[in-house]
Amino acid sequence: MASLLLLLLLSLLSTTTASSAAYPTIPGTMDTSFPASKDSKLIPIRREVYGDGRIFDITHRYTSDMPSMGSENGLGQFLRLPESMKNGSFANISEMKLITHTGTHVDAPGHYYDHYFDAGFDVDTLDLEVLNGPGLLIDVPRGTNITAEVMKSLHIPKGVRRVLFRTENTDRRLMFKKQSDTSFVGFTTDGAKWLVDNTDIKLIGIDYLAVAAWSDLVPAHLVLFGKQGNHHCGRPKTR
């Protein structure tokens, strides 16, 4: 299994253009010429909105305290600096080590089907036309997993291909808690089957580490990836 940071075009989520008030500029992140003098104050530019609000980067920033599936202590140390200019090296060279099922990612077909894994169905085989484009953000009724009944109640229009499901995982801020939590909301097997059989959705995202509920972790994934990974499953960032 491999993972890919997920960048979606979400221009259809709102009829209004994102403004600087909605997405304020971080103080000190205005464009500056480079290189700057050693005496000037250097503040890195981290943009979230591009192209007058048309493109939103919804990926989580990796931190040692972000949750990791099955861990009580978060992701832990995943980044080190084996080559450091402060220690006499000619350049700073970072080394990263972490599992690919971390933070914002998309599942490859080989994640739950071993024959797809052996055949090389990795994330680089996924259709970029599916991974990029307008998306629909939907609030899921609270106090329930995403079952077939819930899917029916959402009345997702035909033709919609990309949906992000916002659940009580966001209310509980589970992605900002170090300890992994198996009580997260996700798809049940019947909910996944209803989506496959009754919608045109090809990309789904949810607000925690797995798209399927813990109780239905394997069977729900198998339904979603049943036809050579026909559905792309991701875990986007939520606020």
C-alpha atoms as a PDB file:
ATOM      1  CA  MET A   1       0.000   0.000   0.000  1.00  0.00           C
ATOM      2  CA  ALA A   2       1.151   3.493  -0.712  1.00  0.00           C
ATOM      3  CA  SER A   3      -0.265   6.894   0.048  1.00  0.00           C
ATOM      4  CA  LEU A   4      -0.499  10.254  -1.632  1.00  0.00           C
ATOM      5  CA  LEU A   5      -1.101  13.712  -0.263  1.00  0.00           C
ATOM      6  CA  LEU A   6      -4.527  14.735  -1.434  1.00  0.00           C
ATOM      7  CA  LEU A   7      -5.035  18.120  -3.104  1.00  0.00           C
ATOM      8  CA  LEU A   8      -8.579  18.809  -4.272  1.00  0.00           C
ATOM      9  CA  LEU A   9     -10.120  21.630  -6.216  1.00  0.00           C
ATOM     10  CA  LEU A  10     -13.073  22.656  -4.082  1.00  0.00           C
ATOM     11  CA  SER A  11     -14.366  25.649  -6.036  1.00  0.00           C
ATOM     12  CA  LEU A  12     -17.929  24.313  -6.078  1.00  0.00           C
ATOM     13  CA  LEU A  13     -18.200  24.108  -2.308  1.00  0.00           C
ATOM     14  CA  SER A  14     -19.192  27.768  -2.193  1.00  0.00           C
ATOM     15  CA  THR A  15     -20.675  30.254  -4.604  1.00  0.00           C
ATOM     16  CA  THR A  16     -18.492  32.994  -3.176  1.00  0.00           C
ATOM     17  CA  THR A  17     -14.799  33.506  -3.685  1.00  0.00           C
ATOM     18  CA  ALA A  18     -12.648  32.936  -0.627  1.00  0.00           C
ATOM     19  CA  SER A  19     -11.581  36.251   0.862  1.00  0.00           C
ATOM     20  CA  SER A  20      -8.654  37.282   2.962  1.00  0.00           C
ATOM     21  CA  ALA A  21     -11.081  37.564   5.881  1.00  0.00           C
ATOM     22  CA  ALA A  22     -12.149  33.927   5.544  1.00  0.00           C
ATOM     23  CA  TYR A  23      -8.560  32.758   5.067  1.00  0.00           C
ATOM     24  CA  PRO A  24      -6.373  35.457   6.667  1.00  0.00           C
ATOM     25  CA  THR A  25      -2.781  35.787   5.659  1.00  0.00           C
ATOM     26  CA  ILE A  26      -0.404  34.583   8.331  1.00  0.00           C
ATOM     27  CA  PRO A  27       1.450  37.654   9.647  1.00  0.00           C
ATOM     28  CA  GLY A  28       4.860  37.993   8.075  1.00  0.00           C
ATOM     29  CA  THR A  29       4.203  35.653   5.152  1.00  0.00           C
ATOM     30  CA  MET A  30       4.103  38.210   2.379  1.00  0.00           C
ATOM     31  CA  ASP A  31       6.369  37.564  -0.579  1.00  0.00           C
ATOM     32  CA  THR A  32       9.937  38.664  -0.006  1.00  0.00           C
ATOM     33  CA  SER A  33      12.983  38.548  -2.217  1.00  0.00           C
ATOM     34  CA  PHE A  34      15.426  35.703  -1.717  1.00  0.00           C
ATOM     35  CA  PRO A  35      18.075  35.389  -0.485  1.00  0.00           C
ATOM     36  CA  ALA A  36      17.538  37.684   2.469  1.00  0.00           C
ATOM     37  CA  SER A  37      20.288  39.079   4.613  1.00  0.00           C
ATOM     38  CA  LYS A  38      21.259  37.148   7.715  1.00  0.00           C
ATOM     39  CA  ASP A  39      20.134  40.065   9.850  1.00  0.00           C
ATOM     40  CA  SER A  40      16.567  40.124   8.521  1.00  0.00           C
ATOM     41  CA  LYS A  41      13.750  38.204  10.138  1.00  0.00           C
ATOM     42  CA  LEU A  42      12.972  35.075   8.109  1.00  0.00           C
ATOM     43  CA  ILE A  43       9.443  33.697   8.265  1.00  0.00           C
ATOM     44  CA  PRO A  44       8.509  30.828   5.903  1.00  0.00           C
ATOM     45  CA  ILE A  45       5.579  31.316   3.557  1.00  0.00           C
ATOM     46  CA  ARG A  46       2.919  28.636   3.971  1.00  0.00           C
ATOM     47  CA  ARG A  47       0.039  29.362   1.639  1.00  0.00           C
ATOM     48  CA  GLU A  48      -3.271  27.588   1.963  1.00  0.00           C
ATOM     49  CA  VAL A  49      -5.326  29.273  -0.739  1.00  0.00           C
ATOM     50  CA  TYR A  50      -4.151  29.642  -4.312  1.00  0.00           C
ATOM     51  CA  GLY A  51      -5.590  31.276  -7.411  1.00  0.00           C
ATOM     52  CA  ASP A  52      -8.008  33.684  -5.721  1.00  0.00           C
ATOM     53  CA  GLY A  53      -9.484  30.916  -3.586  1.00  0.00           C
ATOM     54  CA  ARG A  54      -9.979  28.336  -6.302  1.00  0.00           C
ATOM     55  CA  ILE A  55      -7.577  25.736  -4.920  1.00  0.00           C
ATOM     56  CA  PHE A  56      -7.456  24.718  -1.261  1.00  0.00           C
ATOM     57  CA  ASP A  57      -4.693  22.605   0.203  1.00  0.00           C
ATOM     58  CA  ILE A  58      -6.584  20.408   2.650  1.00  0.00           C
ATOM     59  CA  THR A  59      -3.675  18.240   3.740  1.00  0.00           C
ATOM     60  CA  HIS A  60      -2.709  17.850   7.373  1.00  0.00           C
ATOM     61  CA  ARG A  61       0.724  19.036   8.371  1.00  0.00           C
ATOM     62  CA  TYR A  62       2.744  16.149   9.764  1.00  0.00           C
ATOM     63  CA  THR A  63       3.619  16.460  13.440  1.00  0.00           C
ATOM     64  CA  SER A  64       4.977  13.978  15.971  1.00  0.00           C
ATOM     65  CA  ASP A  65       1.769  14.342  18.009  1.00  0.00           C
ATOM     66  CA  MET A  66      -0.699  13.526  15.221  1.00  0.00           C
ATOM     67  CA  PRO A  67      -2.537  10.211  15.658  1.00  0.00           C
ATOM     68  CA  SER A  68      -1.260   7.039  14.047  1.00  0.00           C
ATOM     69  CA  MET A  69      -3.510   4.012  13.738  1.00  0.00           C
ATOM     70  CA  GLY A  70      -3.026   1.679  16.704  1.00  0.00           C
ATOM     71  CA  SER A  71      -0.653   4.006  18.558  1.00  0.00           C
ATOM     72  CA  GLU A  72      -1.249   5.601  21.945  1.00  0.00           C
ATOM     73  CA  ASN A  73       1.657   8.015  21.553  1.00  0.00           C
ATOM     74  CA  GLY A  74       1.003   9.518  18.146  1.00  0.00           C
ATOM     75  CA  LEU A  75       3.236   9.373  15.114  1.00  0.00           C
ATOM     76  CA  GLY A  76       6.375   9.994  17.138  1.00  0.00           C
ATOM     77  CA  GLN A  77       9.707  11.118  15.738  1.00  0.00           C
ATOM     78  CA  PHE A  78       9.551  10.700  11.979  1.00  0.00           C
ATOM     79  CA  LEU A  79      12.024  13.375  10.876  1.00  0.00           C
ATOM     80  CA  ARG A  80      15.697  13.723  11.652  1.00  0.00           C
ATOM     81  CA  LEU A  81      18.638  15.678  10.297  1.00  0.00           C
ATOM     82  CA  PRO A  82      21.528  13.266   9.627  1.00  0.00           C
ATOM     83  CA  GLU A  83      23.468  15.977   7.767  1.00  0.00           C
ATOM     84  CA  SER A  84      23.485  19.382   9.480  1.00  0.00           C
ATOM     85  CA  MET A  85      25.341  22.549   8.544  1.00  0.00           C
ATOM     86  CA  LYS A  86      25.548  23.376  12.241  1.00  0.00           C
ATOM     87  CA  ASN A  87      27.563  20.194  12.684  1.00  0.00           C
ATOM     88  CA  GLY A  88      29.892  20.902   9.805  1.00  0.00           C
ATOM     89  CA  SER A  89      28.039  19.363   6.843  1.00  0.00           C
ATOM     90  CA  PHE A  90      27.988  21.291   3.565  1.00  0.00           C
ATOM     91  CA  ALA A  91      24.165  21.170   3.471  1.00  0.00           C
ATOM     92  CA  ASN A  92      21.133  20.322   5.601  1.00  0.00           C
ATOM     93  CA  ILE A  93      19.747  16.944   4.546  1.00  0.00           C
ATOM     94  CA  SER A  94      16.612  15.586   6.214  1.00  0.00           C
ATOM     95  CA  GLU A  95      15.551  11.976   6.549  1.00  0.00           C
ATOM     96  CA  MET A  96      11.907  10.966   6.963  1.00  0.00           C
ATOM     97  CA  LYS A  97      10.606   7.591   8.124  1.00  0.00           C
ATOM     98  CA  LEU A  98       6.910   6.910   8.647  1.00  0.00           C
ATOM     99  CA  ILE A  99       4.190   4.544   7.522  1.00  0.00           C
ATOM    100  CA  THR A 100       2.354   5.630   4.383  1.00  0.00           C
ATOM    101  CA  HIS A 101      -1.036   5.335   6.091  1.00  0.00           C
ATOM    102  CA  THR A 102      -0.451   8.625   7.890  1.00  0.00           C
ATOM    103  CA  GLY A 103      -2.315  11.923   8.007  1.00  0.00           C
ATOM    104  CA  THR A 104      -3.871  13.021   4.732  1.00  0.00           C
ATOM    105  CA  HIS A 105      -3.531  10.154   2.298  1.00  0.00           C
ATOM    106  CA  VAL A 106      -5.374   8.154  -0.325  1.00  0.00           C
ATOM    107  CA  ASP A 107      -5.606   4.372  -0.246  1.00  0.00           C
ATOM    108  CA  ALA A 108      -4.236   2.423  -3.171  1.00  0.00           C
ATOM    109  CA  PRO A 109      -6.179  -0.626  -4.469  1.00  0.00           C
ATOM    110  CA  GLY A 110      -3.432  -2.870  -3.114  1.00  0.00           C
ATOM    111  CA  HIS A 111      -4.170  -1.675   0.419  1.00  0.00           C
ATOM    112  CA  TYR A 112      -6.772  -4.431   0.918  1.00  0.00           C
ATOM    113  CA  TYR A 113      -6.376  -6.650  -2.173  1.00  0.00           C
ATOM    114  CA  ASP A 114      -3.094  -8.533  -2.295  1.00  0.00           C
ATOM    115  CA  HIS A 115      -3.374  -9.427  -5.991  1.00  0.00           C
ATOM    116  CA  TYR A 116      -3.679  -5.717  -6.792  1.00  0.00           C
ATOM    117  CA  PHE A 117      -0.625  -5.087  -4.622  1.00  0.00           C
ATOM    118  CA  ASP A 118       1.372  -7.769  -6.460  1.00  0.00           C
ATOM    119  CA  ALA A 119       0.229  -6.382  -9.819  1.00  0.00           C
ATOM    120  CA  GLY A 120       1.478  -2.911  -8.946  1.00  0.00           C
ATOM    121  CA  PHE A 121      -1.812  -1.096  -8.377  1.00  0.00           C
ATOM    122  CA  ASP A 122      -0.157   1.650  -6.353  1.00  0.00           C
ATOM    123  CA  VAL A 123      -1.262   5.275  -5.985  1.00  0.00           C
ATOM    124  CA  ASP A 124       0.580   6.206  -9.174  1.00  0.00           C
ATOM    125  CA  THR A 125      -1.978   4.105 -11.086  1.00  0.00           C
ATOM    126  CA  LEU A 126      -4.924   6.157  -9.803  1.00  0.00           C
ATOM    127  CA  ASP A 127      -6.706   8.470 -12.218  1.00  0.00           C
ATOM    128  CA  LEU A 128      -5.666  12.083 -11.656  1.00  0.00           C
ATOM    129  CA  GLU A 129      -8.925  13.190 -13.270  1.00  0.00           C
ATOM    130  CA  VAL A 130     -10.676  11.554 -10.329  1.00  0.00           C
ATOM    131  CA  LEU A 131      -8.295  12.880  -7.703  1.00  0.00           C
ATOM    132  CA  ASN A 132      -8.606  16.498  -8.877  1.00  0.00           C
ATOM    133  CA  GLY A 133     -11.715  18.550  -9.488  1.00  0.00           C
ATOM    134  CA  PRO A 134     -14.796  20.045  -7.853  1.00  0.00           C
ATOM    135  CA  GLY A 135     -15.922  18.298  -4.690  1.00  0.00           C
ATOM    136  CA  LEU A 136     -19.001  18.233  -2.497  1.00  0.00           C
ATOM    137  CA  LEU A 137     -18.641  18.638   1.262  1.00  0.00           C
ATOM    138  CA  ILE A 138     -21.442  16.951   3.216  1.00  0.00           C
ATOM    139  CA  ASP A 139     -22.253  16.962   6.919  1.00  0.00           C
ATOM    140  CA  VAL A 140     -23.173  13.486   8.109  1.00  0.00           C
ATOM    141  CA  PRO A 141     -25.885  13.115  10.788  1.00  0.00           C
ATOM    142  CA  ARG A 142     -24.209  12.842  14.177  1.00  0.00           C
ATOM    143  CA  GLY A 143     -24.305   9.783  16.401  1.00  0.00           C
ATOM    144  CA  THR A 144     -24.054   7.234  13.598  1.00  0.00           C
ATOM    145  CA  ASN A 145     -21.648   5.594  11.213  1.00  0.00           C
ATOM    146  CA  ILE A 146     -22.196   6.086   7.475  1.00  0.00           C
ATOM    147  CA  THR A 147     -24.712   3.334   6.871  1.00  0.00           C
ATOM    148  CA  ALA A 148     -26.924   2.649   3.856  1.00  0.00           C
ATOM    149  CA  GLU A 149     -29.742   4.496   5.626  1.00  0.00           C
ATOM    150  CA  VAL A 150     -27.521   7.526   6.167  1.00  0.00           C
ATOM    151  CA  MET A 151     -26.393   7.474   2.547  1.00  0.00           C
ATOM    152  CA  LYS A 152     -30.009   7.460   1.381  1.00  0.00           C
ATOM    153  CA  SER A 153     -30.833  10.393   3.636  1.00  0.00           C
ATOM    154  CA  LEU A 154     -28.039  12.554   2.210  1.00  0.00           C
ATOM    155  CA  HIS A 155     -29.670  12.734  -1.258  1.00  0.00           C
ATOM    156  CA  ILE A 156     -26.376  13.138  -3.089  1.00  0.00           C
ATOM    157  CA  PRO A 157     -27.182  14.239  -6.645  1.00  0.00           C
ATOM    158  CA  LYS A 158     -26.362  11.993  -9.577  1.00  0.00           C
ATOM    159  CA  GLY A 159     -23.233  13.070 -11.378  1.00  0.00           C
ATOM    160  CA  VAL A 160     -21.324  14.052  -8.237  1.00  0.00           C
ATOM    161  CA  ARG A 161     -17.962  12.270  -8.375  1.00  0.00           C
ATOM    162  CA  ARG A 162     -16.091  13.547  -5.307  1.00  0.00           C
ATOM    163  CA  VAL A 163     -17.518  13.801  -1.796  1.00  0.00           C
ATOM    164  CA  LEU A 164     -15.924  14.703   1.505  1.00  0.00           C
ATOM    165  CA  PHE A 165     -17.898  13.442   4.504  1.00  0.00           C
ATOM    166  CA  ARG A 166     -17.668  15.625   7.604  1.00  0.00           C
ATOM    167  CA  THR A 167     -18.655  13.682  10.702  1.00  0.00           C
ATOM    168  CA  GLU A 168     -18.478  13.991  14.461  1.00  0.00           C
ATOM    169  CA  ASN A 169     -14.805  13.038  14.089  1.00  0.00           C
ATOM    170  CA  THR A 170     -14.319  16.727  13.341  1.00  0.00           C
ATOM    171  CA  ASP A 171     -16.484  17.794  16.300  1.00  0.00           C
ATOM    172  CA  ARG A 172     -14.337  15.600  18.548  1.00  0.00           C
ATOM    173  CA  ARG A 173     -11.118  16.859  16.903  1.00  0.00           C
ATOM    174  CA  LEU A 174      -9.823  13.318  16.664  1.00  0.00           C
ATOM    175  CA  MET A 175      -7.072  14.255  14.217  1.00  0.00           C
ATOM    176  CA  PHE A 176      -5.657  16.619  16.826  1.00  0.00           C
ATOM    177  CA  LYS A 177      -5.458  14.005  19.586  1.00  0.00           C
ATOM    178  CA  LYS A 178      -2.298  11.968  19.964  1.00  0.00           C
ATOM    179  CA  GLN A 179      -3.935   8.681  20.936  1.00  0.00           C
ATOM    180  CA  SER A 180      -5.512   6.575  18.199  1.00  0.00           C
ATOM    181  CA  ASP A 181      -9.287   6.252  18.696  1.00  0.00           C
ATOM    182  CA  THR A 182     -11.184   3.258  17.319  1.00  0.00           C
ATOM    183  CA  SER A 183     -14.575   4.861  18.044  1.00  0.00           C
ATOM    184  CA  PHE A 184     -14.244   7.102  14.982  1.00  0.00           C
ATOM    185  CA  VAL A 185     -17.113   7.410  12.496  1.00  0.00           C
ATOM    186  CA  GLY A 186     -16.703   5.698   9.132  1.00  0.00           C
ATOM    187  CA  PHE A 187     -18.471   3.674   6.464  1.00  0.00           C
ATOM    188  CA  THR A 188     -20.216   0.453   7.351  1.00  0.00           C
ATOM    189  CA  THR A 189     -20.254  -2.349   4.800  1.00  0.00           C
ATOM    190  CA  ASP A 190     -23.850  -1.686   3.774  1.00  0.00           C
ATOM    191  CA  GLY A 191     -23.134   2.038   3.522  1.00  0.00           C
ATOM    192  CA  ALA A 192     -20.180   1.374   1.218  1.00  0.00           C
ATOM    193  CA  LYS A 193     -22.276  -0.989  -0.907  1.00  0.00           C
ATOM    194  CA  TRP A 194     -25.073   1.575  -1.198  1.00  0.00           C
ATOM    195  CA  LEU A 195     -22.568   4.167  -2.387  1.00  0.00           C
ATOM    196  CA  VAL A 196     -21.088   1.814  -4.999  1.00  0.00           C
ATOM    197  CA  ASP A 197     -24.492   0.662  -6.281  1.00  0.00           C
ATOM    198  CA  ASN A 198     -26.434   3.931  -6.250  1.00  0.00           C
ATOM    199  CA  THR A 199     -24.095   6.879  -6.862  1.00  0.00           C
ATOM    200  CA  ASP A 200     -21.546   8.137  -9.391  1.00  0.00           C
ATOM    201  CA  ILE A 201     -19.027   8.887  -6.641  1.00  0.00           C
ATOM    202  CA  LYS A 202     -15.455   7.869  -7.419  1.00  0.00           C
ATOM    203  CA  LEU A 203     -13.572   9.701  -4.665  1.00  0.00           C
ATOM    204  CA  ILE A 204     -14.574   9.765  -1.011  1.00  0.00           C
ATOM    205  CA  GLY A 205     -12.854  11.447   1.886  1.00  0.00           C
ATOM    206  CA  ILE A 206     -13.475  11.302   5.592  1.00  0.00           C
ATOM    207  CA  ASP A 207     -12.176  13.154   8.632  1.00  0.00           C
ATOM    208  CA  TYR A 208     -10.055  10.482  10.304  1.00  0.00           C
ATOM    209  CA  LEU A 209      -7.403   7.892   9.555  1.00  0.00           C
ATOM    210  CA  ALA A 210      -9.624   5.317   7.848  1.00  0.00           C
ATOM    211  CA  VAL A 211     -12.653   5.613   5.621  1.00  0.00           C
ATOM    212  CA  ALA A 212     -14.318   2.508   7.096  1.00  0.00           C
ATOM    213  CA  ALA A 213     -15.656   2.193  10.634  1.00  0.00           C
ATOM    214  CA  TRP A 214     -13.480   0.080  12.929  1.00  0.00           C
ATOM    215  CA  SER A 215     -16.181  -2.592  13.220  1.00  0.00           C
ATOM    216  CA  ASP A 216     -16.357  -2.894   9.406  1.00  0.00           C
ATOM    217  CA  LEU A 217     -12.763  -2.037   8.603  1.00  0.00           C
ATOM    218  CA  VAL A 218     -11.976  -4.883   6.217  1.00  0.00           C
ATOM    219  CA  PRO A 219     -15.348  -5.643   4.551  1.00  0.00           C
ATOM    220  CA  ALA A 220     -16.170  -1.985   3.828  1.00  0.00           C
ATOM    221  CA  HIS A 221     -12.781  -1.469   2.197  1.00  0.00           C
ATOM    222  CA  LEU A 222     -13.245  -4.613   0.122  1.00  0.00           C
ATOM    223  CA  VAL A 223     -16.545  -3.287  -1.192  1.00  0.00           C
ATOM    224  CA  LEU A 224     -15.040   0.070  -2.135  1.00  0.00           C
ATOM    225  CA  PHE A 225     -12.029  -1.479  -3.881  1.00  0.00           C
ATOM    226  CA  GLY A 226     -13.890  -4.401  -5.419  1.00  0.00           C
ATOM    227  CA  LYS A 227     -13.364  -3.399  -9.054  1.00  0.00           C
ATOM    228  CA  GLN A 228      -9.652  -2.643  -9.422  1.00  0.00           C
ATOM    229  CA  GLY A 229      -9.877   0.131  -6.900  1.00  0.00           C
ATOM    230  CA  ASN A 230     -12.879   1.686  -8.603  1.00  0.00           C
ATOM    231  CA  HIS A 231     -13.275   4.112  -5.717  1.00  0.00           C
ATOM    232  CA  HIS A 232     -10.501   6.287  -4.358  1.00  0.00           C
ATOM    233  CA  CYS A 233     -10.590   6.647  -0.573  1.00  0.00           C
ATOM    234  CA  GLY A 234      -8.857   9.458   1.183  1.00  0.00           C
ATOM    235  CA  ARG A 235      -8.506  11.146   4.550  1.00  0.00           C
ATOM    236  CA  PRO A 236      -8.546  14.900   4.031  1.00  0.00           C
ATOM    237  CA  LYS A 237      -7.899  17.686   6.468  1.00  0.00           C
ATOM    238  CA  THR A 238     -10.786  19.150   8.417  1.00  0.00           C
ATOM    239  CA  ARG A 239     -10.897  22.290  10.499  1.00  0.00           C
END
